[in-house]
Amino acid sequence: MHPDFGSFAGYGIPVNVVPGSQPTRKVRFQYASESNPGPYPIPKQPRIEAGSDRHLLIVDRGSCKLYELFNA
């Protein structure tokens, strides 16, 4: 994981930490072969990176897995 910290609010990529019991959701990708198959433990109101890339980072505490979605 590459830390992307800044000195002002709104900079960097927020990380969503979810429990192992988090319900999962299916996601469709433009290039599915470039992504790991889901489903993904996306919370109801995820924190998404501001700006053009709109990364969504999720850490599943139950399985110790990191999920990264681009352009969420």
C-alpha atoms as a PDB file:
ATOM      1  CA  MET A   1       0.000   0.000   0.000  1.00  0.00           C
ATOM      2  CA  HIS A   2       1.395   3.395  -0.978  1.00  0.00           C
ATOM      3  CA  PRO A   3       0.658   6.072   1.620  1.00  0.00           C
ATOM      4  CA  ASP A   4      -0.719   9.230   0.035  1.00  0.00           C
ATOM      5  CA  PHE A   5      -0.904  11.708   2.918  1.00  0.00           C
ATOM      6  CA  GLY A   6      -1.181  15.462   2.699  1.00  0.00           C
ATOM      7  CA  SER A   7      -1.245  18.485   4.939  1.00  0.00           C
ATOM      8  CA  PHE A   8      -4.848  19.510   4.223  1.00  0.00           C
ATOM      9  CA  ALA A   9      -8.250  17.811   4.442  1.00  0.00           C
ATOM     10  CA  GLY A  10      -9.419  16.137   1.259  1.00  0.00           C
ATOM     11  CA  TYR A  11      -5.955  15.052   0.123  1.00  0.00           C
ATOM     12  CA  GLY A  12      -5.023  11.407  -0.179  1.00  0.00           C
ATOM     13  CA  ILE A  13      -7.063   8.231  -0.411  1.00  0.00           C
ATOM     14  CA  PRO A  14      -9.383   7.387   2.495  1.00  0.00           C
ATOM     15  CA  VAL A  15      -9.409   3.789   3.689  1.00  0.00           C
ATOM     16  CA  ASN A  16     -12.678   2.035   4.588  1.00  0.00           C
ATOM     17  CA  VAL A  17     -12.215  -0.677   7.230  1.00  0.00           C
ATOM     18  CA  VAL A  18     -15.061  -3.196   7.365  1.00  0.00           C
ATOM     19  CA  PRO A  19     -15.750  -6.215   9.592  1.00  0.00           C
ATOM     20  CA  GLY A  20     -15.598  -9.742   8.225  1.00  0.00           C
ATOM     21  CA  SER A  21     -19.405  -9.817   8.374  1.00  0.00           C
ATOM     22  CA  GLN A  22     -19.782  -6.921   5.894  1.00  0.00           C
ATOM     23  CA  PRO A  23     -22.296  -7.861   3.160  1.00  0.00           C
ATOM     24  CA  THR A  24     -20.711  -8.104  -0.284  1.00  0.00           C
ATOM     25  CA  ARG A  25     -21.750  -6.568  -3.591  1.00  0.00           C
ATOM     26  CA  LYS A  26     -21.139  -7.429  -7.213  1.00  0.00           C
ATOM     27  CA  VAL A  27     -19.230  -4.912  -9.312  1.00  0.00           C
ATOM     28  CA  ARG A  28     -19.028  -4.609 -13.103  1.00  0.00           C
ATOM     29  CA  PHE A  29     -15.787  -3.414 -14.680  1.00  0.00           C
ATOM     30  CA  GLN A  30     -15.008  -2.039 -18.118  1.00  0.00           C
ATOM     31  CA  TYR A  31     -11.979  -4.361 -18.233  1.00  0.00           C
ATOM     32  CA  ALA A  32     -12.992  -7.309 -16.064  1.00  0.00           C
ATOM     33  CA  SER A  33      -9.856  -9.290 -16.940  1.00  0.00           C
ATOM     34  CA  GLU A  34      -7.783  -6.594 -15.197  1.00  0.00           C
ATOM     35  CA  SER A  35      -9.571  -7.064 -11.843  1.00  0.00           C
ATOM     36  CA  ASN A  36      -9.912  -9.759  -9.241  1.00  0.00           C
ATOM     37  CA  PRO A  37     -13.330 -11.393  -9.221  1.00  0.00           C
ATOM     38  CA  GLY A  38     -15.772 -10.157  -6.569  1.00  0.00           C
ATOM     39  CA  PRO A  39     -17.966  -9.849  -4.740  1.00  0.00           C
ATOM     40  CA  TYR A  40     -16.583  -6.938  -2.722  1.00  0.00           C
ATOM     41  CA  PRO A  41     -17.375  -5.890   0.883  1.00  0.00           C
ATOM     42  CA  ILE A  42     -18.405  -2.329  -0.012  1.00  0.00           C
ATOM     43  CA  PRO A  43     -20.044  -0.389   2.843  1.00  0.00           C
ATOM     44  CA  LYS A  44     -23.318   1.501   2.259  1.00  0.00           C
ATOM     45  CA  GLN A  45     -21.629   4.917   2.270  1.00  0.00           C
ATOM     46  CA  PRO A  46     -17.996   4.339   1.313  1.00  0.00           C
ATOM     47  CA  ARG A  47     -15.421   7.092   1.537  1.00  0.00           C
ATOM     48  CA  ILE A  48     -14.035   7.627  -1.984  1.00  0.00           C
ATOM     49  CA  GLU A  49     -10.946   9.562  -3.063  1.00  0.00           C
ATOM     50  CA  ALA A  50     -11.728  13.062  -4.288  1.00  0.00           C
ATOM     51  CA  GLY A  51     -10.449  14.086  -7.701  1.00  0.00           C
ATOM     52  CA  SER A  52     -10.279  12.320 -11.026  1.00  0.00           C
ATOM     53  CA  ASP A  53      -9.121   8.813 -10.007  1.00  0.00           C
ATOM     54  CA  ARG A  54     -11.854   8.208  -7.397  1.00  0.00           C
ATOM     55  CA  HIS A  55     -10.161   5.203  -5.768  1.00  0.00           C
ATOM     56  CA  LEU A  56     -12.147   3.166  -3.262  1.00  0.00           C
ATOM     57  CA  LEU A  57      -9.977   1.300  -0.737  1.00  0.00           C
ATOM     58  CA  ILE A  58     -11.511  -1.314   1.553  1.00  0.00           C
ATOM     59  CA  VAL A  59      -9.762  -3.366   4.230  1.00  0.00           C
ATOM     60  CA  ASP A  60     -11.661  -6.457   5.352  1.00  0.00           C
ATOM     61  CA  ARG A  61     -10.578  -7.091   8.961  1.00  0.00           C
ATOM     62  CA  GLY A  62     -12.035 -10.606   8.935  1.00  0.00           C
ATOM     63  CA  SER A  63      -9.955 -11.887   6.017  1.00  0.00           C
ATOM     64  CA  CYS A  64      -7.090  -9.350   6.233  1.00  0.00           C
ATOM     65  CA  LYS A  65      -7.652  -8.430   2.570  1.00  0.00           C
ATOM     66  CA  LEU A  66      -7.262  -5.093   0.834  1.00  0.00           C
ATOM     67  CA  TYR A  67      -9.599  -4.251  -2.036  1.00  0.00           C
ATOM     68  CA  GLU A  68      -8.913  -1.348  -4.388  1.00  0.00           C
ATOM     69  CA  LEU A  69     -11.372  -0.093  -6.974  1.00  0.00           C
ATOM     70  CA  PHE A  70     -10.528   2.588  -9.527  1.00  0.00           C
ATOM     71  CA  ASN A  71     -13.006   5.215 -10.732  1.00  0.00           C
ATOM     72  CA  ALA A  72     -15.675   4.262  -8.196  1.00  0.00           C
END
